[in-house]
Amino acid sequence: MAQLETNFSISIGKFGKYLEKFLMQEYWQSLLLTYADGSDEGVWEALFTMKELFQKHAKIVADVFYFEYPHEEA
């Protein structure tokens, strides 16, 4: 989202090391939840969080670039 909001004019750094500077705190916290703690339950929670984040932002990106989002597949 940071890139969309700035028309791709910023660099988030190698491997996204500066990404936190460009995200709202709630988005950053959600992104951190995609890292599992190593437990079976933690891995599943991270996976489902990642799925939710992807779907939410994929729809936004699709709208910006006039792509059709495959709702049925998602």
PDB file of N, CA and C in Angstrom:
ATOM      1  N   MET A   1       0.814  -1.183   0.000  1.00  0.00           N
ATOM      2  CA  MET A   1       0.000   0.000   0.000  1.00  0.00           C
ATOM      3  C   MET A   1       0.861   1.251   0.000  1.00  0.00           C
ATOM      4  N   ALA A   2       2.010   1.169   0.637  1.00  0.00           N
ATOM      5  CA  ALA A   2       2.888   2.337   0.686  1.00  0.00           C
ATOM      6  C   ALA A   2       3.283   2.776  -0.716  1.00  0.00           C
ATOM      7  N   GLN A   3       3.564   1.828  -1.573  1.00  0.00           N
ATOM      8  CA  GLN A   3       3.959   2.164  -2.932  1.00  0.00           C
ATOM      9  C   GLN A   3       2.795   2.775  -3.712  1.00  0.00           C
ATOM     10  N   LEU A   4       1.601   2.248  -3.547  1.00  0.00           N
ATOM     11  CA  LEU A   4       0.442   2.816  -4.244  1.00  0.00           C
ATOM     12  C   LEU A   4       0.186   4.247  -3.810  1.00  0.00           C
ATOM     13  N   GLU A   5       0.317   4.493  -2.513  1.00  0.00           N
ATOM     14  CA  GLU A   5       0.024   5.815  -1.978  1.00  0.00           C
ATOM     15  C   GLU A   5       1.047   6.860  -2.403  1.00  0.00           C
ATOM     16  N   THR A   6       2.251   6.422  -2.781  1.00  0.00           N
ATOM     17  CA  THR A   6       3.302   7.364  -3.173  1.00  0.00           C
ATOM     18  C   THR A   6       3.643   7.252  -4.655  1.00  0.00           C
ATOM     19  N   ASN A   7       2.792   6.592  -5.417  1.00  0.00           N
ATOM     20  CA  ASN A   7       3.005   6.401  -6.853  1.00  0.00           C
ATOM     21  C   ASN A   7       4.368   5.752  -7.138  1.00  0.00           C
ATOM     22  N   PHE A   8       4.723   4.783  -6.310  1.00  0.00           N
ATOM     23  CA  PHE A   8       5.956   4.010  -6.472  1.00  0.00           C
ATOM     24  C   PHE A   8       7.213   4.873  -6.427  1.00  0.00           C
ATOM     25  N   SER A   9       7.174   5.950  -5.650  1.00  0.00           N
ATOM     26  CA  SER A   9       8.314   6.868  -5.602  1.00  0.00           C
ATOM     27  C   SER A   9       9.221   6.649  -4.399  1.00  0.00           C
ATOM     28  N   ILE A  10       8.936   5.664  -3.569  1.00  0.00           N
ATOM     29  CA  ILE A  10       9.766   5.410  -2.394  1.00  0.00           C
ATOM     30  C   ILE A  10      10.446   4.055  -2.511  1.00  0.00           C
ATOM     31  N   SER A  11      11.476   3.889  -1.713  1.00  0.00           N
ATOM     32  CA  SER A  11      12.138   2.594  -1.618  1.00  0.00           C
ATOM     33  C   SER A  11      11.917   2.060  -0.209  1.00  0.00           C
ATOM     34  N   ILE A  12      11.427   0.836  -0.136  1.00  0.00           N
ATOM     35  CA  ILE A  12      11.225   0.231   1.189  1.00  0.00           C
ATOM     36  C   ILE A  12      12.470  -0.527   1.636  1.00  0.00           C
ATOM     37  N   GLY A  13      13.525  -0.447   0.842  1.00  0.00           N
ATOM     38  CA  GLY A  13      14.792  -1.067   1.206  1.00  0.00           C
ATOM     39  C   GLY A  13      14.856  -2.529   0.838  1.00  0.00           C
ATOM     40  N   LYS A  14      16.066  -3.041   0.883  1.00  0.00           N
ATOM     41  CA  LYS A  14      16.289  -4.444   0.583  1.00  0.00           C
ATOM     42  C   LYS A  14      15.554  -5.294   1.607  1.00  0.00           C
ATOM     43  N   PHE A  15      14.773  -6.239   1.112  1.00  0.00           N
ATOM     44  CA  PHE A  15      13.955  -7.122   1.938  1.00  0.00           C
ATOM     45  C   PHE A  15      12.953  -6.350   2.802  1.00  0.00           C
ATOM     46  N   GLY A  16      12.599  -5.123   2.389  1.00  0.00           N
ATOM     47  CA  GLY A  16      11.590  -4.344   3.096  1.00  0.00           C
ATOM     48  C   GLY A  16      12.033  -3.783   4.430  1.00  0.00           C
ATOM     49  N   LYS A  17      13.350  -3.555   4.606  1.00  0.00           N
ATOM     50  CA  LYS A  17      13.836  -3.144   5.924  1.00  0.00           C
ATOM     51  C   LYS A  17      13.330  -1.774   6.359  1.00  0.00           C
ATOM     52  N   TYR A  18      12.860  -0.934   5.429  1.00  0.00           N
ATOM     53  CA  TYR A  18      12.310   0.376   5.800  1.00  0.00           C
ATOM     54  C   TYR A  18      10.781   0.412   5.715  1.00  0.00           C
ATOM     55  N   LEU A  19      10.179  -0.706   5.486  1.00  0.00           N
ATOM     56  CA  LEU A  19       8.734  -0.751   5.278  1.00  0.00           C
ATOM     57  C   LEU A  19       7.953  -0.177   6.455  1.00  0.00           C
ATOM     58  N   GLU A  20       8.405  -0.444   7.658  1.00  0.00           N
ATOM     59  CA  GLU A  20       7.679   0.035   8.842  1.00  0.00           C
ATOM     60  C   GLU A  20       7.484   1.546   8.824  1.00  0.00           C
ATOM     61  N   LYS A  21       8.445   2.287   8.295  1.00  0.00           N
ATOM     62  CA  LYS A  21       8.348   3.752   8.246  1.00  0.00           C
ATOM     63  C   LYS A  21       7.177   4.224   7.399  1.00  0.00           C
ATOM     64  N   PHE A  22       6.756   3.406   6.436  1.00  0.00           N
ATOM     65  CA  PHE A  22       5.753   3.839   5.471  1.00  0.00           C
ATOM     66  C   PHE A  22       4.357   3.259   5.725  1.00  0.00           C
ATOM     67  N   LEU A  23       4.220   2.428   6.742  1.00  0.00           N
ATOM     68  CA  LEU A  23       2.924   1.807   7.027  1.00  0.00           C
ATOM     69  C   LEU A  23       2.295   2.389   8.275  1.00  0.00           C
ATOM     70  N   MET A  24       0.982   2.438   8.278  1.00  0.00           N
ATOM     71  CA  MET A  24       0.283   2.791   9.509  1.00  0.00           C
ATOM     72  C   MET A  24       0.576   1.702  10.526  1.00  0.00           C
ATOM     73  N   GLN A  25       0.584   2.055  11.782  1.00  0.00           N
ATOM     74  CA  GLN A  25       0.955   1.119  12.845  1.00  0.00           C
ATOM     75  C   GLN A  25       0.076  -0.134  12.843  1.00  0.00           C
ATOM     76  N   GLU A  26      -1.212   0.016  12.574  1.00  0.00           N
ATOM     77  CA  GLU A  26      -2.091  -1.162  12.575  1.00  0.00           C
ATOM     78  C   GLU A  26      -1.727  -2.142  11.464  1.00  0.00           C
ATOM     79  N   TYR A  27      -1.330  -1.619  10.290  1.00  0.00           N
ATOM     80  CA  TYR A  27      -0.901  -2.501   9.204  1.00  0.00           C
ATOM     81  C   TYR A  27       0.404  -3.207   9.559  1.00  0.00           C
ATOM     82  N   TRP A  28       1.321  -2.455  10.161  1.00  0.00           N
ATOM     83  CA  TRP A  28       2.597  -3.048  10.551  1.00  0.00           C
ATOM     84  C   TRP A  28       2.378  -4.170  11.562  1.00  0.00           C
ATOM     85  N   GLN A  29       1.522  -3.935  12.540  1.00  0.00           N
ATOM     86  CA  GLN A  29       1.242  -4.963  13.545  1.00  0.00           C
ATOM     87  C   GLN A  29       0.601  -6.195  12.911  1.00  0.00           C
ATOM     88  N   SER A  30      -0.292  -5.987  11.956  1.00  0.00           N
ATOM     89  CA  SER A  30      -0.911  -7.114  11.255  1.00  0.00           C
ATOM     90  C   SER A  30       0.139  -7.899  10.478  1.00  0.00           C
ATOM     91  N   LEU A  31       1.051  -7.190   9.842  1.00  0.00           N
ATOM     92  CA  LEU A  31       2.113  -7.857   9.091  1.00  0.00           C
ATOM     93  C   LEU A  31       2.994  -8.689  10.022  1.00  0.00           C
ATOM     94  N   LEU A  32       3.294  -8.167  11.183  1.00  0.00           N
ATOM     95  CA  LEU A  32       4.117  -8.908  12.145  1.00  0.00           C
ATOM     96  C   LEU A  32       3.437 -10.200  12.598  1.00  0.00           C
ATOM     97  N   LEU A  33       2.115 -10.203  12.601  1.00  0.00           N
ATOM     98  CA  LEU A  33       1.377 -11.404  13.006  1.00  0.00           C
ATOM     99  C   LEU A  33       1.482 -12.530  11.980  1.00  0.00           C
ATOM    100  N   THR A  34       2.036 -12.223  10.801  1.00  0.00           N
ATOM    101  CA  THR A  34       2.210 -13.280   9.797  1.00  0.00           C
ATOM    102  C   THR A  34       3.467 -14.105  10.058  1.00  0.00           C
ATOM    103  N   TYR A  35       4.237 -13.725  11.049  1.00  0.00           N
ATOM    104  CA  TYR A  35       5.416 -14.499  11.445  1.00  0.00           C
ATOM    105  C   TYR A  35       5.025 -15.440  12.574  1.00  0.00           C
ATOM    106  N   ALA A  36       5.183 -16.718  12.339  1.00  0.00           N
ATOM    107  CA  ALA A  36       4.756 -17.731  13.308  1.00  0.00           C
ATOM    108  C   ALA A  36       5.761 -17.850  14.451  1.00  0.00           C
ATOM    109  N   ASP A  37       5.272 -18.331  15.586  1.00  0.00           N
ATOM    110  CA  ASP A  37       6.141 -18.530  16.748  1.00  0.00           C
ATOM    111  C   ASP A  37       6.743 -19.938  16.801  1.00  0.00           C
ATOM    112  N   GLY A  38       6.440 -20.761  15.819  1.00  0.00           N
ATOM    113  CA  GLY A  38       7.006 -22.104  15.763  1.00  0.00           C
ATOM    114  C   GLY A  38       6.063 -23.192  16.241  1.00  0.00           C
ATOM    115  N   SER A  39       5.028 -22.817  16.961  1.00  0.00           N
ATOM    116  CA  SER A  39       4.056 -23.813  17.411  1.00  0.00           C
ATOM    117  C   SER A  39       3.100 -24.125  16.267  1.00  0.00           C
ATOM    118  N   ASP A  40       2.467 -25.284  16.329  1.00  0.00           N
ATOM    119  CA  ASP A  40       1.498 -25.638  15.293  1.00  0.00           C
ATOM    120  C   ASP A  40       0.378 -24.603  15.217  1.00  0.00           C
ATOM    121  N   GLU A  41      -0.143 -24.226  16.364  1.00  0.00           N
ATOM    122  CA  GLU A  41      -1.231 -23.239  16.402  1.00  0.00           C
ATOM    123  C   GLU A  41      -0.744 -21.882  15.876  1.00  0.00           C
ATOM    124  N   GLY A  42       0.460 -21.502  16.234  1.00  0.00           N
ATOM    125  CA  GLY A  42       1.013 -20.232  15.781  1.00  0.00           C
ATOM    126  C   GLY A  42       1.213 -20.182  14.282  1.00  0.00           C
ATOM    127  N   VAL A  43       1.618 -21.309  13.709  1.00  0.00           N
ATOM    128  CA  VAL A  43       1.799 -21.380  12.261  1.00  0.00           C
ATOM    129  C   VAL A  43       0.459 -21.198  11.552  1.00  0.00           C
ATOM    130  N   TRP A  44      -0.573 -21.868  12.053  1.00  0.00           N
ATOM    131  CA  TRP A  44      -1.900 -21.728  11.439  1.00  0.00           C
ATOM    132  C   TRP A  44      -2.427 -20.304  11.583  1.00  0.00           C
ATOM    133  N   GLU A  45      -2.249 -19.713  12.758  1.00  0.00           N
ATOM    134  CA  GLU A  45      -2.717 -18.336  12.965  1.00  0.00           C
ATOM    135  C   GLU A  45      -1.999 -17.379  12.014  1.00  0.00           C
ATOM    136  N   ALA A  46      -0.695 -17.549  11.857  1.00  0.00           N
ATOM    137  CA  ALA A  46       0.070 -16.702  10.945  1.00  0.00           C
ATOM    138  C   ALA A  46      -0.404 -16.882   9.508  1.00  0.00           C
ATOM    139  N   LEU A  47      -0.667 -18.116   9.126  1.00  0.00           N
ATOM    140  CA  LEU A  47      -1.128 -18.402   7.764  1.00  0.00           C
ATOM    141  C   LEU A  47      -2.472 -17.738   7.479  1.00  0.00           C
ATOM    142  N   PHE A  48      -3.406 -17.857   8.406  1.00  0.00           N
ATOM    143  CA  PHE A  48      -4.725 -17.255   8.198  1.00  0.00           C
ATOM    144  C   PHE A  48      -4.645 -15.726   8.214  1.00  0.00           C
ATOM    145  N   THR A  49      -3.774 -15.170   9.042  1.00  0.00           N
ATOM    146  CA  THR A  49      -3.573 -13.721   9.044  1.00  0.00           C
ATOM    147  C   THR A  49      -3.022 -13.270   7.706  1.00  0.00           C
ATOM    148  N   MET A  50      -2.058 -14.031   7.175  1.00  0.00           N
ATOM    149  CA  MET A  50      -1.472 -13.709   5.876  1.00  0.00           C
ATOM    150  C   MET A  50      -2.526 -13.756   4.784  1.00  0.00           C
ATOM    151  N   LYS A  51      -3.400 -14.750   4.832  1.00  0.00           N
ATOM    152  CA  LYS A  51      -4.463 -14.888   3.837  1.00  0.00           C
ATOM    153  C   LYS A  51      -5.398 -13.672   3.889  1.00  0.00           C
ATOM    154  N   GLU A  52      -5.774 -13.265   5.078  1.00  0.00           N
ATOM    155  CA  GLU A  52      -6.665 -12.121   5.229  1.00  0.00           C
ATOM    156  C   GLU A  52      -6.011 -10.834   4.704  1.00  0.00           C
ATOM    157  N   LEU A  53      -4.758 -10.628   5.063  1.00  0.00           N
ATOM    158  CA  LEU A  53      -4.050  -9.441   4.586  1.00  0.00           C
ATOM    159  C   LEU A  53      -3.934  -9.436   3.065  1.00  0.00           C
ATOM    160  N   PHE A  54      -3.591 -10.595   2.513  1.00  0.00           N
ATOM    161  CA  PHE A  54      -3.446 -10.682   1.066  1.00  0.00           C
ATOM    162  C   PHE A  54      -4.760 -10.371   0.371  1.00  0.00           C
ATOM    163  N   GLN A  55      -5.834 -10.993   0.819  1.00  0.00           N
ATOM    164  CA  GLN A  55      -7.127 -10.768   0.169  1.00  0.00           C
ATOM    165  C   GLN A  55      -7.552  -9.310   0.253  1.00  0.00           C
ATOM    166  N   LYS A  56      -7.390  -8.721   1.413  1.00  0.00           N
ATOM    167  CA  LYS A  56      -7.794  -7.328   1.592  1.00  0.00           C
ATOM    168  C   LYS A  56      -7.018  -6.409   0.650  1.00  0.00           C
ATOM    169  N   HIS A  57      -5.719  -6.577   0.603  1.00  0.00           N
ATOM    170  CA  HIS A  57      -4.897  -5.684  -0.196  1.00  0.00           C
ATOM    171  C   HIS A  57      -4.900  -6.042  -1.675  1.00  0.00           C
ATOM    172  N   ALA A  58      -5.093  -7.296  -2.002  1.00  0.00           N
ATOM    173  CA  ALA A  58      -5.182  -7.690  -3.413  1.00  0.00           C
ATOM    174  C   ALA A  58      -6.398  -7.044  -4.067  1.00  0.00           C
ATOM    175  N   LYS A  59      -7.481  -6.940  -3.335  1.00  0.00           N
ATOM    176  CA  LYS A  59      -8.684  -6.294  -3.871  1.00  0.00           C
ATOM    177  C   LYS A  59      -8.423  -4.817  -4.142  1.00  0.00           C
ATOM    178  N   ILE A  60      -7.717  -4.164  -3.244  1.00  0.00           N
ATOM    179  CA  ILE A  60      -7.402  -2.748  -3.427  1.00  0.00           C
ATOM    180  C   ILE A  60      -6.505  -2.549  -4.644  1.00  0.00           C
ATOM    181  N   VAL A  61      -5.463  -3.371  -4.748  1.00  0.00           N
ATOM    182  CA  VAL A  61      -4.541  -3.272  -5.881  1.00  0.00           C
ATOM    183  C   VAL A  61      -5.271  -3.554  -7.196  1.00  0.00           C
ATOM    184  N   ALA A  62      -6.118  -4.559  -7.180  1.00  0.00           N
ATOM    185  CA  ALA A  62      -6.888  -4.881  -8.386  1.00  0.00           C
ATOM    186  C   ALA A  62      -7.739  -3.694  -8.813  1.00  0.00           C
ATOM    187  N   ASP A  63      -8.376  -3.036  -7.871  1.00  0.00           N
ATOM    188  CA  ASP A  63      -9.201  -1.864  -8.201  1.00  0.00           C
ATOM    189  C   ASP A  63      -8.357  -0.728  -8.778  1.00  0.00           C
ATOM    190  N   VAL A  64      -7.221  -0.469  -8.181  1.00  0.00           N
ATOM    191  CA  VAL A  64      -6.359   0.625  -8.642  1.00  0.00           C
ATOM    192  C   VAL A  64      -5.907   0.400 -10.084  1.00  0.00           C
ATOM    193  N   PHE A  65      -5.579  -0.843 -10.415  1.00  0.00           N
ATOM    194  CA  PHE A  65      -5.069  -1.143 -11.749  1.00  0.00           C
ATOM    195  C   PHE A  65      -6.137  -1.701 -12.694  1.00  0.00           C
ATOM    196  N   TYR A  66      -7.390  -1.614 -12.270  1.00  0.00           N
ATOM    197  CA  TYR A  66      -8.524  -2.046 -13.089  1.00  0.00           C
ATOM    198  C   TYR A  66      -8.444  -3.526 -13.484  1.00  0.00           C
ATOM    199  N   PHE A  67      -7.974  -4.339 -12.553  1.00  0.00           N
ATOM    200  CA  PHE A  67      -7.975  -5.784 -12.760  1.00  0.00           C
ATOM    201  C   PHE A  67      -9.243  -6.368 -12.159  1.00  0.00           C
ATOM    202  N   GLU A  68      -9.672  -7.461 -12.679  1.00  0.00           N
ATOM    203  CA  GLU A  68     -10.817  -8.150 -12.100  1.00  0.00           C
ATOM    204  C   GLU A  68     -10.293  -9.086 -11.007  1.00  0.00           C
ATOM    205  N   TYR A  69     -10.779  -8.896  -9.804  1.00  0.00           N
ATOM    206  CA  TYR A  69     -10.347  -9.748  -8.689  1.00  0.00           C
ATOM    207  C   TYR A  69     -11.162 -11.040  -8.712  1.00  0.00           C
ATOM    208  N   PRO A  70     -10.501 -12.196  -8.673  1.00  0.00           N
ATOM    209  CA  PRO A  70     -11.225 -13.483  -8.739  1.00  0.00           C
ATOM    210  C   PRO A  70     -11.856 -13.848  -7.384  1.00  0.00           C
ATOM    211  N   HIS A  71     -12.988 -13.254  -7.078  1.00  0.00           N
ATOM    212  CA  HIS A  71     -13.634 -13.472  -5.779  1.00  0.00           C
ATOM    213  C   HIS A  71     -13.962 -14.939  -5.532  1.00  0.00           C
ATOM    214  N   GLU A  72     -14.394 -15.645  -6.559  1.00  0.00           N
ATOM    215  CA  GLU A  72     -14.783 -17.041  -6.379  1.00  0.00           C
ATOM    216  C   GLU A  72     -13.581 -17.907  -6.001  1.00  0.00           C
ATOM    217  N   GLU A  73     -12.438 -17.647  -6.624  1.00  0.00           N
ATOM    218  CA  GLU A  73     -11.243 -18.421  -6.315  1.00  0.00           C
ATOM    219  C   GLU A  73     -10.700 -18.063  -4.939  1.00  0.00           C
ATOM    220  N   ALA A  74     -10.814 -16.816  -4.593  1.00  0.00           N
ATOM    221  CA  ALA A  74     -10.292 -16.366  -3.300  1.00  0.00           C
ATOM    222  C   ALA A  74     -11.114 -16.953  -2.172  1.00  0.00           C
TER     223      ALA A  74
END
